Amino acid sequence: ADYDGLSILTKRDYDRHLREIETLWGEAPVAEITTVDAQRAIDSLQSAPTVARYFRAVLSRLIGFGIPRGYSTHNVA
């Protein structure tokens, strides 16, 4: 429901990063993603610091959404 309330541009940016997250981790259980994994993905975007920060924010929000739903016990982002 929160996603539906986002602006078109924000949805576009979220979608970009969600696709990247899917490419990186696919069907891997969220609980198996480590802080090192997350940081490696963020560091891969170091040539564009703003993009890297946004990627981290999307990843953090996604993992945070899953914590109370049992997908992970902590936020590695």
PDB file of N, CA and C in Angstrom:
ATOM      1  N   ALA A   1       0.825  -1.199   0.000  1.00  0.00           N
ATOM      2  CA  ALA A   1       0.000   0.000   0.000  1.00  0.00           C
ATOM      3  C   ALA A   1       0.866   1.259   0.000  1.00  0.00           C
ATOM      4  N   ASP A   2       1.998   1.219   0.735  1.00  0.00           N
ATOM      5  CA  ASP A   2       2.887   2.387   0.753  1.00  0.00           C
ATOM      6  C   ASP A   2       3.439   2.681  -0.630  1.00  0.00           C
ATOM      7  N   TYR A   3       3.771   1.632  -1.376  1.00  0.00           N
ATOM      8  CA  TYR A   3       4.318   1.790  -2.713  1.00  0.00           C
ATOM      9  C   TYR A   3       3.321   2.506  -3.619  1.00  0.00           C
ATOM     10  N   ASP A   4       2.056   2.126  -3.514  1.00  0.00           N
ATOM     11  CA  ASP A   4       1.026   2.730  -4.368  1.00  0.00           C
ATOM     12  C   ASP A   4       0.917   4.235  -4.169  1.00  0.00           C
ATOM     13  N   GLY A   5       1.271   4.714  -2.985  1.00  0.00           N
ATOM     14  CA  GLY A   5       1.179   6.137  -2.693  1.00  0.00           C
ATOM     15  C   GLY A   5       2.381   6.948  -3.136  1.00  0.00           C
ATOM     16  N   LEU A   6       3.395   6.294  -3.675  1.00  0.00           N
ATOM     17  CA  LEU A   6       4.595   7.002  -4.107  1.00  0.00           C
ATOM     18  C   LEU A   6       4.368   7.717  -5.432  1.00  0.00           C
ATOM     19  N   SER A   7       5.164   8.751  -5.667  1.00  0.00           N
ATOM     20  CA  SER A   7       5.082   9.454  -6.949  1.00  0.00           C
ATOM     21  C   SER A   7       5.634   8.549  -8.051  1.00  0.00           C
ATOM     22  N   ILE A   8       5.333   8.888  -9.274  1.00  0.00           N
ATOM     23  CA  ILE A   8       5.788   8.104 -10.422  1.00  0.00           C
ATOM     24  C   ILE A   8       7.317   8.035 -10.455  1.00  0.00           C
ATOM     25  N   LEU A   9       7.996   9.156 -10.205  1.00  0.00           N
ATOM     26  CA  LEU A   9       9.455   9.169 -10.241  1.00  0.00           C
ATOM     27  C   LEU A   9      10.050   8.327  -9.116  1.00  0.00           C
ATOM     28  N   THR A  10       9.459   8.385  -7.946  1.00  0.00           N
ATOM     29  CA  THR A  10       9.946   7.578  -6.826  1.00  0.00           C
ATOM     30  C   THR A  10       9.743   6.095  -7.117  1.00  0.00           C
ATOM     31  N   LYS A  11       8.593   5.745  -7.677  1.00  0.00           N
ATOM     32  CA  LYS A  11       8.352   4.348  -8.059  1.00  0.00           C
ATOM     33  C   LYS A  11       9.396   3.881  -9.075  1.00  0.00           C
ATOM     34  N   ARG A  12       9.720   4.742 -10.024  1.00  0.00           N
ATOM     35  CA  ARG A  12      10.723   4.402 -11.032  1.00  0.00           C
ATOM     36  C   ARG A  12      12.066   4.102 -10.367  1.00  0.00           C
ATOM     37  N   ASP A  13      12.462   4.969  -9.431  1.00  0.00           N
ATOM     38  CA  ASP A  13      13.728   4.759  -8.740  1.00  0.00           C
ATOM     39  C   ASP A  13      13.696   3.507  -7.875  1.00  0.00           C
ATOM     40  N   TYR A  14      12.609   3.289  -7.152  1.00  0.00           N
ATOM     41  CA  TYR A  14      12.470   2.075  -6.348  1.00  0.00           C
ATOM     42  C   TYR A  14      12.540   0.847  -7.245  1.00  0.00           C
ATOM     43  N   ASP A  15      11.818   0.872  -8.353  1.00  0.00           N
ATOM     44  CA  ASP A  15      11.791  -0.273  -9.263  1.00  0.00           C
ATOM     45  C   ASP A  15      13.194  -0.601  -9.769  1.00  0.00           C
ATOM     46  N   ARG A  16      13.957   0.414 -10.078  1.00  0.00           N
ATOM     47  CA  ARG A  16      15.329   0.219 -10.549  1.00  0.00           C
ATOM     48  C   ARG A  16      16.131  -0.548  -9.504  1.00  0.00           C
ATOM     49  N   HIS A  17      16.050  -0.115  -8.269  1.00  0.00           N
ATOM     50  CA  HIS A  17      16.826  -0.751  -7.212  1.00  0.00           C
ATOM     51  C   HIS A  17      16.251  -2.114  -6.820  1.00  0.00           C
ATOM     52  N   LEU A  18      14.956  -2.259  -6.869  1.00  0.00           N
ATOM     53  CA  LEU A  18      14.356  -3.561  -6.578  1.00  0.00           C
ATOM     54  C   LEU A  18      14.771  -4.594  -7.620  1.00  0.00           C
ATOM     55  N   ARG A  19      14.875  -4.183  -8.876  1.00  0.00           N
ATOM     56  CA  ARG A  19      15.359  -5.099  -9.922  1.00  0.00           C
ATOM     57  C   ARG A  19      16.805  -5.505  -9.647  1.00  0.00           C
ATOM     58  N   GLU A  20      17.612  -4.556  -9.224  1.00  0.00           N
ATOM     59  CA  GLU A  20      19.016  -4.847  -8.908  1.00  0.00           C
ATOM     60  C   GLU A  20      19.113  -5.804  -7.722  1.00  0.00           C
ATOM     61  N   ILE A  21      18.297  -5.584  -6.711  1.00  0.00           N
ATOM     62  CA  ILE A  21      18.261  -6.478  -5.547  1.00  0.00           C
ATOM     63  C   ILE A  21      17.854  -7.878  -5.987  1.00  0.00           C
ATOM     64  N   GLU A  22      16.872  -7.962  -6.850  1.00  0.00           N
ATOM     65  CA  GLU A  22      16.436  -9.265  -7.354  1.00  0.00           C
ATOM     66  C   GLU A  22      17.548  -9.943  -8.154  1.00  0.00           C
ATOM     67  N   THR A  23      18.270  -9.169  -8.957  1.00  0.00           N
ATOM     68  CA  THR A  23      19.376  -9.721  -9.728  1.00  0.00           C
ATOM     69  C   THR A  23      20.476 -10.242  -8.810  1.00  0.00           C
ATOM     70  N   LEU A  24      20.782  -9.487  -7.766  1.00  0.00           N
ATOM     71  CA  LEU A  24      21.855  -9.871  -6.854  1.00  0.00           C
ATOM     72  C   LEU A  24      21.509 -11.084  -6.000  1.00  0.00           C
ATOM     73  N   TRP A  25      20.285 -11.111  -5.461  1.00  0.00           N
ATOM     74  CA  TRP A  25      19.950 -12.127  -4.477  1.00  0.00           C
ATOM     75  C   TRP A  25      18.805 -13.044  -4.877  1.00  0.00           C
ATOM     76  N   GLY A  26      18.089 -12.723  -5.944  1.00  0.00           N
ATOM     77  CA  GLY A  26      17.035 -13.582  -6.461  1.00  0.00           C
ATOM     78  C   GLY A  26      16.152 -14.187  -5.391  1.00  0.00           C
ATOM     79  N   GLU A  27      16.133 -15.493  -5.351  1.00  0.00           N
ATOM     80  CA  GLU A  27      15.273 -16.219  -4.416  1.00  0.00           C
ATOM     81  C   GLU A  27      15.975 -16.552  -3.095  1.00  0.00           C
ATOM     82  N   ALA A  28      17.166 -16.030  -2.878  1.00  0.00           N
ATOM     83  CA  ALA A  28      17.894 -16.309  -1.630  1.00  0.00           C
ATOM     84  C   ALA A  28      17.079 -15.806  -0.439  1.00  0.00           C
ATOM     85  N   PRO A  29      17.019 -16.589   0.615  1.00  0.00           N
ATOM     86  CA  PRO A  29      16.320 -16.108   1.816  1.00  0.00           C
ATOM     87  C   PRO A  29      16.970 -14.832   2.344  1.00  0.00           C
ATOM     88  N   VAL A  30      16.157 -13.872   2.707  1.00  0.00           N
ATOM     89  CA  VAL A  30      16.663 -12.590   3.181  1.00  0.00           C
ATOM     90  C   VAL A  30      17.601 -12.793   4.370  1.00  0.00           C
ATOM     91  N   ALA A  31      17.283 -13.734   5.227  1.00  0.00           N
ATOM     92  CA  ALA A  31      18.095 -13.985   6.414  1.00  0.00           C
ATOM     93  C   ALA A  31      19.512 -14.427   6.065  1.00  0.00           C
ATOM     94  N   GLU A  32      19.747 -14.882   4.851  1.00  0.00           N
ATOM     95  CA  GLU A  32      21.081 -15.313   4.437  1.00  0.00           C
ATOM     96  C   GLU A  32      21.940 -14.178   3.878  1.00  0.00           C
ATOM     97  N   ILE A  33      21.349 -13.018   3.631  1.00  0.00           N
ATOM     98  CA  ILE A  33      22.106 -11.876   3.129  1.00  0.00           C
ATOM     99  C   ILE A  33      22.868 -11.277   4.306  1.00  0.00           C
ATOM    100  N   THR A  34      24.168 -11.126   4.140  1.00  0.00           N
ATOM    101  CA  THR A  34      25.002 -10.607   5.227  1.00  0.00           C
ATOM    102  C   THR A  34      25.275  -9.116   5.042  1.00  0.00           C
ATOM    103  N   THR A  35      25.785  -8.519   6.089  1.00  0.00           N
ATOM    104  CA  THR A  35      26.197  -7.118   6.006  1.00  0.00           C
ATOM    105  C   THR A  35      27.285  -6.958   4.953  1.00  0.00           C
ATOM    106  N   VAL A  36      28.187  -7.922   4.865  1.00  0.00           N
ATOM    107  CA  VAL A  36      29.251  -7.891   3.853  1.00  0.00           C
ATOM    108  C   VAL A  36      28.644  -7.929   2.453  1.00  0.00           C
ATOM    109  N   ASP A  37      27.648  -8.782   2.242  1.00  0.00           N
ATOM    110  CA  ASP A  37      26.971  -8.844   0.939  1.00  0.00           C
ATOM    111  C   ASP A  37      26.355  -7.494   0.582  1.00  0.00           C
ATOM    112  N   ALA A  38      25.643  -6.925   1.542  1.00  0.00           N
ATOM    113  CA  ALA A  38      24.972  -5.641   1.306  1.00  0.00           C
ATOM    114  C   ALA A  38      25.995  -4.551   1.010  1.00  0.00           C
ATOM    115  N   GLN A  39      27.060  -4.512   1.789  1.00  0.00           N
ATOM    116  CA  GLN A  39      28.068  -3.471   1.582  1.00  0.00           C
ATOM    117  C   GLN A  39      28.780  -3.647   0.249  1.00  0.00           C
ATOM    118  N   ARG A  40      29.008  -4.881  -0.149  1.00  0.00           N
ATOM    119  CA  ARG A  40      29.638  -5.145  -1.452  1.00  0.00           C
ATOM    120  C   ARG A  40      28.760  -4.590  -2.581  1.00  0.00           C
ATOM    121  N   ALA A  41      27.461  -4.798  -2.482  1.00  0.00           N
ATOM    122  CA  ALA A  41      26.540  -4.279  -3.497  1.00  0.00           C
ATOM    123  C   ALA A  41      26.535  -2.756  -3.503  1.00  0.00           C
ATOM    124  N   ILE A  42      26.529  -2.173  -2.324  1.00  0.00           N
ATOM    125  CA  ILE A  42      26.554  -0.705  -2.214  1.00  0.00           C
ATOM    126  C   ILE A  42      27.861  -0.154  -2.774  1.00  0.00           C
ATOM    127  N   ASP A  43      28.974  -0.798  -2.417  1.00  0.00           N
ATOM    128  CA  ASP A  43      30.279  -0.352  -2.914  1.00  0.00           C
ATOM    129  C   ASP A  43      30.392  -0.447  -4.425  1.00  0.00           C
ATOM    130  N   SER A  44      29.665  -1.371  -5.032  1.00  0.00           N
ATOM    131  CA  SER A  44      29.724  -1.503  -6.491  1.00  0.00           C
ATOM    132  C   SER A  44      29.161  -0.270  -7.187  1.00  0.00           C
ATOM    133  N   LEU A  45      28.452   0.549  -6.437  1.00  0.00           N
ATOM    134  CA  LEU A  45      27.859   1.776  -6.985  1.00  0.00           C
ATOM    135  C   LEU A  45      28.651   3.019  -6.583  1.00  0.00           C
ATOM    136  N   GLN A  46      29.867   2.843  -6.112  1.00  0.00           N
ATOM    137  CA  GLN A  46      30.655   3.949  -5.571  1.00  0.00           C
ATOM    138  C   GLN A  46      30.930   5.066  -6.579  1.00  0.00           C
ATOM    139  N   SER A  47      30.863   4.761  -7.855  1.00  0.00           N
ATOM    140  CA  SER A  47      31.092   5.816  -8.853  1.00  0.00           C
ATOM    141  C   SER A  47      29.932   6.811  -8.902  1.00  0.00           C
ATOM    142  N   ALA A  48      28.813   6.437  -8.293  1.00  0.00           N
ATOM    143  CA  ALA A  48      27.635   7.316  -8.233  1.00  0.00           C
ATOM    144  C   ALA A  48      27.120   7.313  -6.786  1.00  0.00           C
ATOM    145  N   PRO A  49      27.730   8.115  -5.915  1.00  0.00           N
ATOM    146  CA  PRO A  49      27.392   8.085  -4.496  1.00  0.00           C
ATOM    147  C   PRO A  49      25.910   8.289  -4.180  1.00  0.00           C
ATOM    148  N   THR A  50      25.245   9.134  -4.933  1.00  0.00           N
ATOM    149  CA  THR A  50      23.818   9.360  -4.689  1.00  0.00           C
ATOM    150  C   THR A  50      23.024   8.093  -4.980  1.00  0.00           C
ATOM    151  N   VAL A  51      23.370   7.415  -6.045  1.00  0.00           N
ATOM    152  CA  VAL A  51      22.705   6.158  -6.398  1.00  0.00           C
ATOM    153  C   VAL A  51      22.978   5.112  -5.320  1.00  0.00           C
ATOM    154  N   ALA A  52      24.214   5.057  -4.843  1.00  0.00           N
ATOM    155  CA  ALA A  52      24.580   4.099  -3.801  1.00  0.00           C
ATOM    156  C   ALA A  52      23.770   4.348  -2.525  1.00  0.00           C
ATOM    157  N   ARG A  53      23.623   5.607  -2.141  1.00  0.00           N
ATOM    158  CA  ARG A  53      22.838   5.939  -0.941  1.00  0.00           C
ATOM    159  C   ARG A  53      21.367   5.561  -1.120  1.00  0.00           C
ATOM    160  N   TYR A  54      20.833   5.804  -2.293  1.00  0.00           N
ATOM    161  CA  TYR A  54      19.432   5.463  -2.558  1.00  0.00           C
ATOM    162  C   TYR A  54      19.254   3.941  -2.552  1.00  0.00           C
ATOM    163  N   PHE A  55      20.215   3.231  -3.147  1.00  0.00           N
ATOM    164  CA  PHE A  55      20.176   1.769  -3.145  1.00  0.00           C
ATOM    165  C   PHE A  55      20.159   1.257  -1.709  1.00  0.00           C
ATOM    166  N   ARG A  56      21.043   1.792  -0.880  1.00  0.00           N
ATOM    167  CA  ARG A  56      21.086   1.387   0.531  1.00  0.00           C
ATOM    168  C   ARG A  56      19.742   1.660   1.203  1.00  0.00           C
ATOM    169  N   ALA A  57      19.163   2.805   0.937  1.00  0.00           N
ATOM    170  CA  ALA A  57      17.879   3.158   1.549  1.00  0.00           C
ATOM    171  C   ALA A  57      16.779   2.188   1.130  1.00  0.00           C
ATOM    172  N   VAL A  58      16.735   1.848  -0.147  1.00  0.00           N
ATOM    173  CA  VAL A  58      15.712   0.914  -0.629  1.00  0.00           C
ATOM    174  C   VAL A  58      15.936  -0.466  -0.028  1.00  0.00           C
ATOM    175  N   LEU A  59      17.179  -0.928  -0.019  1.00  0.00           N
ATOM    176  CA  LEU A  59      17.497  -2.227   0.564  1.00  0.00           C
ATOM    177  C   LEU A  59      17.127  -2.262   2.043  1.00  0.00           C
ATOM    178  N   SER A  60      17.474  -1.208   2.760  1.00  0.00           N
ATOM    179  CA  SER A  60      17.161  -1.132   4.185  1.00  0.00           C
ATOM    180  C   SER A  60      15.662  -1.138   4.435  1.00  0.00           C
ATOM    181  N   ARG A  61      14.952  -0.384   3.646  1.00  0.00           N
ATOM    182  CA  ARG A  61      13.493  -0.332   3.807  1.00  0.00           C
ATOM    183  C   ARG A  61      12.852  -1.684   3.503  1.00  0.00           C
ATOM    184  N   LEU A  62      13.343  -2.344   2.458  1.00  0.00           N
ATOM    185  CA  LEU A  62      12.810  -3.644   2.078  1.00  0.00           C
ATOM    186  C   LEU A  62      13.067  -4.678   3.183  1.00  0.00           C
ATOM    187  N   ILE A  63      14.294  -4.717   3.683  1.00  0.00           N
ATOM    188  CA  ILE A  63      14.608  -5.664   4.754  1.00  0.00           C
ATOM    189  C   ILE A  63      13.834  -5.305   6.018  1.00  0.00           C
ATOM    190  N   GLY A  64      13.750  -4.012   6.320  1.00  0.00           N
ATOM    191  CA  GLY A  64      12.980  -3.573   7.486  1.00  0.00           C
ATOM    192  C   GLY A  64      11.521  -3.985   7.400  1.00  0.00           C
ATOM    193  N   PHE A  65      10.965  -3.959   6.203  1.00  0.00           N
ATOM    194  CA  PHE A  65       9.585  -4.398   5.983  1.00  0.00           C
ATOM    195  C   PHE A  65       9.443  -5.882   6.320  1.00  0.00           C
ATOM    196  N   GLY A  66      10.475  -6.655   6.003  1.00  0.00           N
ATOM    197  CA  GLY A  66      10.406  -8.093   6.200  1.00  0.00           C
ATOM    198  C   GLY A  66      10.686  -8.574   7.606  1.00  0.00           C
ATOM    199  N   ILE A  67      11.330  -7.764   8.428  1.00  0.00           N
ATOM    200  CA  ILE A  67      11.687  -8.205   9.780  1.00  0.00           C
ATOM    201  C   ILE A  67      10.457  -8.622  10.593  1.00  0.00           C
ATOM    202  N   PRO A  68       9.438  -7.782  10.719  1.00  0.00           N
ATOM    203  CA  PRO A  68       8.288  -8.209  11.523  1.00  0.00           C
ATOM    204  C   PRO A  68       7.464  -9.318  10.854  1.00  0.00           C
ATOM    205  N   ARG A  69       7.796  -9.624   9.617  1.00  0.00           N
ATOM    206  CA  ARG A  69       7.098 -10.694   8.892  1.00  0.00           C
ATOM    207  C   ARG A  69       7.895 -12.000   8.888  1.00  0.00           C
ATOM    208  N   GLY A  70       9.012 -11.989   9.615  1.00  0.00           N
ATOM    209  CA  GLY A  70       9.794 -13.205   9.804  1.00  0.00           C
ATOM    210  C   GLY A  70      10.819 -13.528   8.740  1.00  0.00           C
ATOM    211  N   TYR A  71      11.112 -12.586   7.840  1.00  0.00           N
ATOM    212  CA  TYR A  71      12.082 -12.865   6.779  1.00  0.00           C
ATOM    213  C   TYR A  71      13.525 -12.720   7.255  1.00  0.00           C
ATOM    214  N   SER A  72      13.735 -11.928   8.282  1.00  0.00           N
ATOM    215  CA  SER A  72      15.059 -11.706   8.838  1.00  0.00           C
ATOM    216  C   SER A  72      14.887 -11.231  10.280  1.00  0.00           C
ATOM    217  N   THR A  73      15.961 -11.344  11.038  1.00  0.00           N
ATOM    218  CA  THR A  73      15.898 -10.872  12.425  1.00  0.00           C
ATOM    219  C   THR A  73      16.554  -9.513  12.608  1.00  0.00           C
ATOM    220  N   HIS A  74      17.315  -9.070  11.596  1.00  0.00           N
ATOM    221  CA  HIS A  74      17.988  -7.781  11.685  1.00  0.00           C
ATOM    222  C   HIS A  74      18.205  -7.201  10.285  1.00  0.00           C
ATOM    223  N   ASN A  75      18.487  -5.921  10.265  1.00  0.00           N
ATOM    224  CA  ASN A  75      18.657  -5.217   9.006  1.00  0.00           C
ATOM    225  C   ASN A  75      20.147  -5.079   8.686  1.00  0.00           C
ATOM    226  N   VAL A  76      20.606  -5.793   7.662  1.00  0.00           N
ATOM    227  CA  VAL A  76      22.017  -5.782   7.306  1.00  0.00           C
ATOM    228  C   VAL A  76      22.429  -4.542   6.537  1.00  0.00           C
ATOM    229  N   ALA A  77      21.484  -3.755   6.096  1.00  0.00           N
ATOM    230  CA  ALA A  77      21.805  -2.559   5.311  1.00  0.00           C
ATOM    231  C   ALA A  77      22.180  -1.415   6.220  1.00  0.00           C
TER     232      ALA A  77
END
